[in-house]
Amino acid sequence: MSPARLFRTVAVAEAVTWTGLLLGMFLKYGPAENETGVRIFGMLHGVVFVAYVVTTVVVWVDRRWSAGRGLLALVAAVPPLATLPLEWWAVRRGWLGEGWRLPAGATGSLPDRVVGWLLTNPLRGLGVGLVAVAVLTGAALVVGPPGS
């Protein structure tokens, strides 16, 4: 999977779960007063949000994004649906590529070597990514929701 396709997939998933969470919040605080949507989409959105952050960091390192570009991509996950225009902008500006840079040249900095290893060993990389998402999601659950 190319950096562009991976980033697009996770950015769209993040936006879809944001939409579900917004709908759940409408049902919770609106006329229905039903918390089911927030419980389901809140957790789902949290997991996909963390997956978006992990994916963004991997693409950031591989594509050698500047700090500003990487932080912009991370901040885009906070406002509802902002990952969609960011992804469209990134494709049009050439921020994403159709091939990974690091599997062929994973030398140099520690982030380059780590991302290069993840990309060279895709099944292990997927496993590490899933563990990272699970650990970060678990940490977020321990900390609690914003404002608590």
N, C-alpha and C. Protein backbone atom coordinates (compact mmCIF):
# COMPACT_ATOMS: atom_id res chain seq x y z
N MET A 1 0.85 -1.18 0.00
CA MET A 1 0.00 0.00 0.00
C MET A 1 0.89 1.24 0.00
N SER A 2 0.61 2.16 -0.87
CA SER A 2 1.42 3.37 -1.00
C SER A 2 1.14 4.33 0.17
N PRO A 3 2.06 5.28 0.41
CA PRO A 3 1.79 6.27 1.46
C PRO A 3 0.50 7.04 1.19
N ALA A 4 0.24 7.38 -0.07
CA ALA A 4 -0.97 8.13 -0.41
C ALA A 4 -2.22 7.32 -0.09
N ARG A 5 -2.22 6.06 -0.45
CA ARG A 5 -3.41 5.23 -0.21
C ARG A 5 -3.62 4.97 1.28
N LEU A 6 -2.53 4.67 1.99
CA LEU A 6 -2.65 4.44 3.43
C LEU A 6 -3.17 5.69 4.13
N PHE A 7 -2.58 6.84 3.82
CA PHE A 7 -3.00 8.09 4.46
C PHE A 7 -4.46 8.39 4.14
N ARG A 8 -4.85 8.21 2.87
CA ARG A 8 -6.24 8.47 2.47
C ARG A 8 -7.20 7.56 3.23
N THR A 9 -6.87 6.28 3.31
CA THR A 9 -7.74 5.32 3.98
C THR A 9 -7.98 5.71 5.43
N VAL A 10 -6.91 6.04 6.13
CA VAL A 10 -7.04 6.37 7.55
C VAL A 10 -7.70 7.74 7.73
N ALA A 11 -7.41 8.71 6.85
CA ALA A 11 -8.03 10.03 6.94
C ALA A 11 -9.53 9.94 6.72
N VAL A 12 -9.95 9.14 5.75
CA VAL A 12 -11.38 8.96 5.49
C VAL A 12 -12.04 8.24 6.67
N ALA A 13 -11.39 7.20 7.19
CA ALA A 13 -11.94 6.48 8.34
C ALA A 13 -12.09 7.42 9.53
N GLU A 14 -11.13 8.30 9.73
CA GLU A 14 -11.19 9.26 10.84
C GLU A 14 -12.39 10.18 10.65
N ALA A 15 -12.62 10.64 9.43
CA ALA A 15 -13.76 11.53 9.15
C ALA A 15 -15.10 10.79 9.31
N VAL A 16 -15.14 9.55 8.87
CA VAL A 16 -16.39 8.76 9.00
C VAL A 16 -16.72 8.55 10.47
N THR A 17 -15.73 8.21 11.28
CA THR A 17 -16.01 7.99 12.70
C THR A 17 -16.35 9.31 13.40
N TRP A 18 -15.77 10.42 12.94
CA TRP A 18 -16.15 11.73 13.47
C TRP A 18 -17.64 11.97 13.20
N THR A 19 -18.07 11.65 11.96
CA THR A 19 -19.48 11.82 11.60
C THR A 19 -20.37 10.98 12.51
N GLY A 20 -19.98 9.73 12.74
CA GLY A 20 -20.75 8.88 13.64
C GLY A 20 -20.81 9.44 15.05
N LEU A 21 -19.69 9.96 15.52
CA LEU A 21 -19.66 10.54 16.87
C LEU A 21 -20.55 11.78 16.94
N LEU A 22 -20.50 12.61 15.91
CA LEU A 22 -21.37 13.80 15.89
C LEU A 22 -22.85 13.41 15.89
N LEU A 23 -23.19 12.40 15.13
CA LEU A 23 -24.56 11.90 15.12
C LEU A 23 -24.94 11.35 16.50
N GLY A 24 -24.02 10.59 17.10
CA GLY A 24 -24.26 10.08 18.45
C GLY A 24 -24.46 11.20 19.46
N MET A 25 -23.69 12.29 19.33
CA MET A 25 -23.84 13.42 20.24
C MET A 25 -25.18 14.12 20.02
N PHE A 26 -25.61 14.20 18.76
CA PHE A 26 -26.93 14.79 18.48
C PHE A 26 -28.02 13.96 19.15
N LEU A 27 -27.92 12.65 19.05
CA LEU A 27 -28.93 11.78 19.67
C LEU A 27 -28.87 11.85 21.20
N LYS A 28 -27.67 12.01 21.74
CA LYS A 28 -27.54 12.07 23.20
C LYS A 28 -28.10 13.38 23.76
N TYR A 29 -27.74 14.49 23.12
CA TYR A 29 -28.14 15.79 23.66
C TYR A 29 -29.39 16.35 22.99
N GLY A 30 -29.87 15.67 21.97
CA GLY A 30 -31.07 16.11 21.25
C GLY A 30 -32.32 15.49 21.83
N PRO A 31 -33.33 15.40 21.01
CA PRO A 31 -34.63 14.92 21.49
C PRO A 31 -34.62 13.46 21.95
N ALA A 32 -33.75 12.64 21.42
CA ALA A 32 -33.78 11.22 21.77
C ALA A 32 -33.19 10.93 23.14
N GLU A 33 -32.21 11.72 23.59
CA GLU A 33 -31.50 11.51 24.85
C GLU A 33 -31.03 10.06 25.00
N ASN A 34 -30.36 9.58 23.95
CA ASN A 34 -29.88 8.20 23.90
C ASN A 34 -28.36 8.23 23.76
N GLU A 35 -27.65 7.60 24.71
CA GLU A 35 -26.18 7.63 24.73
C GLU A 35 -25.52 6.53 23.91
N THR A 36 -26.28 5.64 23.31
CA THR A 36 -25.70 4.49 22.60
C THR A 36 -24.74 4.91 21.49
N GLY A 37 -25.14 5.90 20.71
CA GLY A 37 -24.29 6.37 19.60
C GLY A 37 -22.96 6.91 20.08
N VAL A 38 -22.97 7.62 21.19
CA VAL A 38 -21.72 8.17 21.73
C VAL A 38 -20.84 7.04 22.26
N ARG A 39 -21.44 6.07 22.92
CA ARG A 39 -20.65 4.94 23.43
C ARG A 39 -19.97 4.18 22.30
N ILE A 40 -20.73 3.90 21.25
CA ILE A 40 -20.18 3.12 20.13
C ILE A 40 -19.17 3.95 19.34
N PHE A 41 -19.62 5.11 18.85
CA PHE A 41 -18.76 5.90 17.98
C PHE A 41 -17.66 6.63 18.75
N GLY A 42 -17.87 6.88 20.02
CA GLY A 42 -16.81 7.50 20.82
C GLY A 42 -15.58 6.60 20.88
N MET A 43 -15.79 5.33 21.21
CA MET A 43 -14.68 4.39 21.28
C MET A 43 -14.08 4.15 19.89
N LEU A 44 -14.94 3.94 18.91
CA LEU A 44 -14.47 3.70 17.55
C LEU A 44 -13.67 4.89 17.03
N HIS A 45 -14.18 6.08 17.26
CA HIS A 45 -13.45 7.28 16.82
C HIS A 45 -12.12 7.41 17.56
N GLY A 46 -12.11 7.10 18.83
CA GLY A 46 -10.85 7.17 19.58
C GLY A 46 -9.79 6.25 19.02
N VAL A 47 -10.18 5.03 18.68
CA VAL A 47 -9.23 4.06 18.11
C VAL A 47 -8.75 4.54 16.74
N VAL A 48 -9.67 5.00 15.91
CA VAL A 48 -9.28 5.46 14.56
C VAL A 48 -8.46 6.74 14.65
N PHE A 49 -8.76 7.62 15.60
CA PHE A 49 -7.97 8.82 15.82
C PHE A 49 -6.51 8.45 16.13
N VAL A 50 -6.32 7.50 17.02
CA VAL A 50 -4.96 7.06 17.36
C VAL A 50 -4.29 6.42 16.14
N ALA A 51 -5.04 5.63 15.37
CA ALA A 51 -4.48 5.04 14.15
C ALA A 51 -4.07 6.13 13.16
N TYR A 52 -4.86 7.20 13.06
CA TYR A 52 -4.51 8.32 12.19
C TYR A 52 -3.21 8.97 12.66
N VAL A 53 -3.07 9.17 13.95
CA VAL A 53 -1.85 9.77 14.50
C VAL A 53 -0.64 8.90 14.18
N VAL A 54 -0.74 7.59 14.42
CA VAL A 54 0.37 6.67 14.14
C VAL A 54 0.70 6.69 12.65
N THR A 55 -0.31 6.61 11.79
CA THR A 55 -0.10 6.64 10.34
C THR A 55 0.55 7.94 9.92
N THR A 56 0.08 9.05 10.46
CA THR A 56 0.65 10.35 10.11
C THR A 56 2.12 10.43 10.48
N VAL A 57 2.49 9.92 11.62
CA VAL A 57 3.90 9.95 12.03
C VAL A 57 4.75 9.09 11.09
N VAL A 58 4.25 7.92 10.71
CA VAL A 58 4.99 7.05 9.78
C VAL A 58 5.18 7.75 8.43
N VAL A 59 4.11 8.33 7.90
CA VAL A 59 4.20 9.04 6.61
C VAL A 59 5.09 10.27 6.75
N TRP A 60 4.98 10.97 7.85
CA TRP A 60 5.80 12.16 8.13
C TRP A 60 7.28 11.81 8.05
N VAL A 61 7.67 10.74 8.71
CA VAL A 61 9.08 10.32 8.71
C VAL A 61 9.49 9.87 7.30
N ASP A 62 8.67 9.03 6.67
CA ASP A 62 9.03 8.50 5.36
C ASP A 62 9.12 9.59 4.30
N ARG A 63 8.20 10.52 4.30
CA ARG A 63 8.16 11.56 3.27
C ARG A 63 9.03 12.76 3.62
N ARG A 64 9.67 12.72 4.80
CA ARG A 64 10.53 13.81 5.27
C ARG A 64 9.79 15.14 5.31
N TRP A 65 8.59 15.11 5.90
CA TRP A 65 7.83 16.34 6.05
C TRP A 65 8.52 17.28 7.02
N SER A 66 8.32 18.56 6.82
CA SER A 66 8.80 19.55 7.79
C SER A 66 7.96 19.41 9.07
N ALA A 67 8.46 20.02 10.14
CA ALA A 67 7.70 19.98 11.40
C ALA A 67 6.34 20.63 11.22
N GLY A 68 6.28 21.74 10.51
CA GLY A 68 5.01 22.43 10.29
C GLY A 68 4.00 21.58 9.54
N ARG A 69 4.47 20.90 8.50
CA ARG A 69 3.58 20.04 7.71
C ARG A 69 3.07 18.87 8.55
N GLY A 70 3.97 18.24 9.29
CA GLY A 70 3.58 17.11 10.13
C GLY A 70 2.60 17.52 11.23
N LEU A 71 2.87 18.65 11.86
CA LEU A 71 1.97 19.13 12.91
C LEU A 71 0.61 19.52 12.34
N LEU A 72 0.60 20.12 11.15
CA LEU A 72 -0.67 20.46 10.50
C LEU A 72 -1.49 19.19 10.25
N ALA A 73 -0.84 18.14 9.79
CA ALA A 73 -1.54 16.87 9.54
C ALA A 73 -2.08 16.28 10.84
N LEU A 74 -1.33 16.40 11.92
CA LEU A 74 -1.81 15.89 13.21
C LEU A 74 -2.97 16.73 13.74
N VAL A 75 -2.87 18.04 13.64
CA VAL A 75 -3.92 18.93 14.14
C VAL A 75 -5.21 18.76 13.34
N ALA A 76 -5.11 18.35 12.08
CA ALA A 76 -6.29 18.16 11.24
C ALA A 76 -7.24 17.10 11.80
N ALA A 77 -6.75 16.25 12.68
CA ALA A 77 -7.61 15.22 13.27
C ALA A 77 -8.52 15.76 14.36
N VAL A 78 -8.25 16.97 14.84
CA VAL A 78 -9.02 17.51 15.96
C VAL A 78 -10.36 18.11 15.51
N PRO A 79 -10.39 19.04 14.56
CA PRO A 79 -11.71 19.54 14.13
C PRO A 79 -12.46 18.47 13.33
N PRO A 80 -13.76 18.39 13.49
CA PRO A 80 -14.51 17.37 12.75
C PRO A 80 -14.30 17.47 11.23
N LEU A 81 -14.00 16.34 10.63
CA LEU A 81 -13.90 16.15 9.18
C LEU A 81 -12.74 16.89 8.52
N ALA A 82 -11.84 17.49 9.28
CA ALA A 82 -10.74 18.26 8.70
C ALA A 82 -9.68 17.38 8.03
N THR A 83 -9.67 16.09 8.33
CA THR A 83 -8.69 15.22 7.66
C THR A 83 -8.99 15.07 6.18
N LEU A 84 -10.25 15.25 5.78
CA LEU A 84 -10.59 15.12 4.35
C LEU A 84 -9.97 16.24 3.52
N PRO A 85 -10.21 17.52 3.85
CA PRO A 85 -9.56 18.55 3.04
C PRO A 85 -8.04 18.52 3.15
N LEU A 86 -7.51 18.12 4.32
CA LEU A 86 -6.06 18.02 4.44
C LEU A 86 -5.52 16.96 3.49
N GLU A 87 -6.18 15.82 3.41
CA GLU A 87 -5.72 14.75 2.52
C GLU A 87 -5.79 15.20 1.07
N TRP A 88 -6.89 15.85 0.68
CA TRP A 88 -7.01 16.37 -0.69
C TRP A 88 -5.89 17.36 -0.99
N TRP A 89 -5.61 18.25 -0.04
CA TRP A 89 -4.55 19.24 -0.19
C TRP A 89 -3.20 18.54 -0.30
N ALA A 90 -2.96 17.55 0.54
CA ALA A 90 -1.69 16.83 0.53
C ALA A 90 -1.44 16.14 -0.81
N VAL A 91 -2.48 15.53 -1.37
CA VAL A 91 -2.34 14.87 -2.68
C VAL A 91 -2.03 15.90 -3.74
N ARG A 92 -2.75 17.00 -3.77
CA ARG A 92 -2.56 18.01 -4.81
C ARG A 92 -1.21 18.70 -4.70
N ARG A 93 -0.68 18.80 -3.49
CA ARG A 93 0.62 19.44 -3.27
C ARG A 93 1.80 18.48 -3.38
N GLY A 94 1.50 17.20 -3.58
CA GLY A 94 2.57 16.22 -3.71
C GLY A 94 3.23 15.82 -2.40
N TRP A 95 2.52 15.98 -1.29
CA TRP A 95 3.08 15.60 0.00
C TRP A 95 3.17 14.10 0.18
N LEU A 96 2.32 13.38 -0.53
CA LEU A 96 2.24 11.92 -0.39
C LEU A 96 2.81 11.30 -1.65
N GLY A 97 3.37 10.14 -1.55
CA GLY A 97 3.94 9.49 -2.71
C GLY A 97 3.28 8.17 -3.01
N GLU A 98 3.60 7.65 -4.17
CA GLU A 98 3.08 6.33 -4.57
C GLU A 98 4.03 5.22 -4.16
N GLY A 99 5.20 5.56 -3.65
CA GLY A 99 6.14 4.56 -3.18
C GLY A 99 6.79 5.02 -1.89
N TRP A 100 7.17 4.05 -1.08
CA TRP A 100 7.84 4.36 0.18
C TRP A 100 9.30 4.63 -0.07
N ARG A 101 9.85 5.62 0.59
CA ARG A 101 11.26 5.98 0.46
C ARG A 101 12.14 5.08 1.31
N LEU A 102 11.70 4.73 2.48
CA LEU A 102 12.59 4.12 3.47
C LEU A 102 12.96 2.66 3.28
N PRO A 103 12.14 1.78 2.76
CA PRO A 103 12.61 0.40 2.66
C PRO A 103 13.92 0.27 1.89
N ALA A 104 14.13 1.15 0.91
CA ALA A 104 15.36 1.07 0.12
C ALA A 104 16.52 1.77 0.82
N GLY A 105 16.24 2.76 1.66
CA GLY A 105 17.33 3.52 2.25
C GLY A 105 17.15 3.81 3.72
N ALA A 106 16.86 2.79 4.49
CA ALA A 106 16.58 2.98 5.92
C ALA A 106 17.88 3.07 6.71
N THR A 107 18.58 4.15 6.53
CA THR A 107 19.78 4.41 7.32
C THR A 107 19.65 5.80 7.89
N GLY A 108 20.56 6.13 8.75
CA GLY A 108 20.55 7.49 9.28
C GLY A 108 19.89 7.56 10.63
N SER A 109 18.90 8.40 10.74
CA SER A 109 18.29 8.70 12.03
C SER A 109 17.51 7.50 12.57
N LEU A 110 17.28 7.53 13.86
CA LEU A 110 16.50 6.47 14.51
C LEU A 110 15.07 6.40 13.94
N PRO A 111 14.37 7.54 13.78
CA PRO A 111 13.04 7.43 13.18
C PRO A 111 13.06 6.80 11.79
N ASP A 112 14.06 7.13 10.97
CA ASP A 112 14.18 6.51 9.64
C ASP A 112 14.37 4.99 9.75
N ARG A 113 15.22 4.57 10.67
CA ARG A 113 15.48 3.13 10.82
C ARG A 113 14.24 2.40 11.32
N VAL A 114 13.51 3.00 12.27
CA VAL A 114 12.31 2.36 12.81
C VAL A 114 11.24 2.25 11.73
N VAL A 115 10.96 3.34 11.04
CA VAL A 115 9.93 3.31 9.99
C VAL A 115 10.38 2.41 8.85
N GLY A 116 11.65 2.44 8.50
CA GLY A 116 12.16 1.53 7.47
C GLY A 116 11.96 0.08 7.84
N TRP A 117 12.21 -0.26 9.11
CA TRP A 117 11.99 -1.64 9.57
C TRP A 117 10.52 -2.01 9.48
N LEU A 118 9.64 -1.09 9.91
CA LEU A 118 8.20 -1.35 9.86
C LEU A 118 7.75 -1.61 8.42
N LEU A 119 8.29 -0.86 7.48
CA LEU A 119 7.88 -1.00 6.09
C LEU A 119 8.52 -2.21 5.41
N THR A 120 9.71 -2.58 5.83
CA THR A 120 10.38 -3.74 5.26
C THR A 120 9.77 -5.05 5.76
N ASN A 121 9.20 -5.01 6.95
CA ASN A 121 8.55 -6.16 7.57
C ASN A 121 7.07 -5.84 7.75
N PRO A 122 6.28 -5.87 6.67
CA PRO A 122 4.91 -5.35 6.76
C PRO A 122 4.01 -6.06 7.77
N LEU A 123 4.11 -7.38 7.90
CA LEU A 123 3.26 -8.05 8.88
C LEU A 123 3.67 -7.69 10.30
N ARG A 124 4.97 -7.66 10.54
CA ARG A 124 5.43 -7.23 11.86
C ARG A 124 5.10 -5.76 12.08
N GLY A 125 5.25 -4.96 11.03
CA GLY A 125 4.91 -3.54 11.12
C GLY A 125 3.46 -3.33 11.45
N LEU A 126 2.58 -4.12 10.82
CA LEU A 126 1.16 -4.05 11.12
C LEU A 126 0.91 -4.43 12.57
N GLY A 127 1.57 -5.48 13.02
CA GLY A 127 1.43 -5.90 14.42
C GLY A 127 1.89 -4.82 15.38
N VAL A 128 3.04 -4.21 15.09
CA VAL A 128 3.54 -3.12 15.94
C VAL A 128 2.56 -1.95 15.92
N GLY A 129 2.03 -1.65 14.74
CA GLY A 129 1.05 -0.56 14.63
C GLY A 129 -0.19 -0.83 15.44
N LEU A 130 -0.70 -2.07 15.38
CA LEU A 130 -1.88 -2.42 16.16
C LEU A 130 -1.61 -2.35 17.65
N VAL A 131 -0.44 -2.81 18.06
CA VAL A 131 -0.07 -2.73 19.48
C VAL A 131 0.04 -1.27 19.91
N ALA A 132 0.66 -0.43 19.06
CA ALA A 132 0.78 0.99 19.38
C ALA A 132 -0.59 1.64 19.54
N VAL A 133 -1.51 1.32 18.63
CA VAL A 133 -2.86 1.87 18.71
C VAL A 133 -3.54 1.39 19.99
N ALA A 134 -3.40 0.11 20.32
CA ALA A 134 -4.03 -0.44 21.53
C ALA A 134 -3.45 0.21 22.79
N VAL A 135 -2.13 0.35 22.85
CA VAL A 135 -1.50 0.93 24.04
C VAL A 135 -1.90 2.40 24.18
N LEU A 136 -1.85 3.16 23.09
CA LEU A 136 -2.21 4.58 23.15
C LEU A 136 -3.69 4.77 23.47
N THR A 137 -4.54 3.92 22.91
CA THR A 137 -5.97 3.99 23.23
C THR A 137 -6.20 3.66 24.70
N GLY A 138 -5.52 2.63 25.19
CA GLY A 138 -5.64 2.28 26.61
C GLY A 138 -5.18 3.41 27.51
N ALA A 139 -4.08 4.07 27.14
CA ALA A 139 -3.60 5.21 27.93
C ALA A 139 -4.63 6.33 27.92
N ALA A 140 -5.25 6.57 26.77
CA ALA A 140 -6.28 7.62 26.68
C ALA A 140 -7.48 7.28 27.56
N LEU A 141 -7.83 6.00 27.62
CA LEU A 141 -8.95 5.58 28.47
C LEU A 141 -8.62 5.78 29.95
N VAL A 142 -7.37 5.54 30.32
CA VAL A 142 -6.97 5.74 31.71
C VAL A 142 -7.02 7.22 32.07
N VAL A 143 -6.55 8.06 31.15
CA VAL A 143 -6.54 9.51 31.40
C VAL A 143 -7.96 10.04 31.47
N GLY A 144 -8.83 9.52 30.63
CA GLY A 144 -10.23 9.93 30.62
C GLY A 144 -10.53 10.92 29.54
N PRO A 145 -11.81 11.24 29.37
CA PRO A 145 -12.22 12.16 28.31
C PRO A 145 -11.73 13.58 28.59
N PRO A 146 -11.66 14.41 27.56
CA PRO A 146 -11.24 15.80 27.75
C PRO A 146 -12.13 16.51 28.75
N GLY A 147 -11.51 17.28 29.59
CA GLY A 147 -12.26 18.07 30.56
C GLY A 147 -12.67 17.31 31.81
N SER A 148 -12.21 16.05 31.95
CA SER A 148 -12.60 15.31 33.16
C SER A 148 -11.56 15.43 34.25
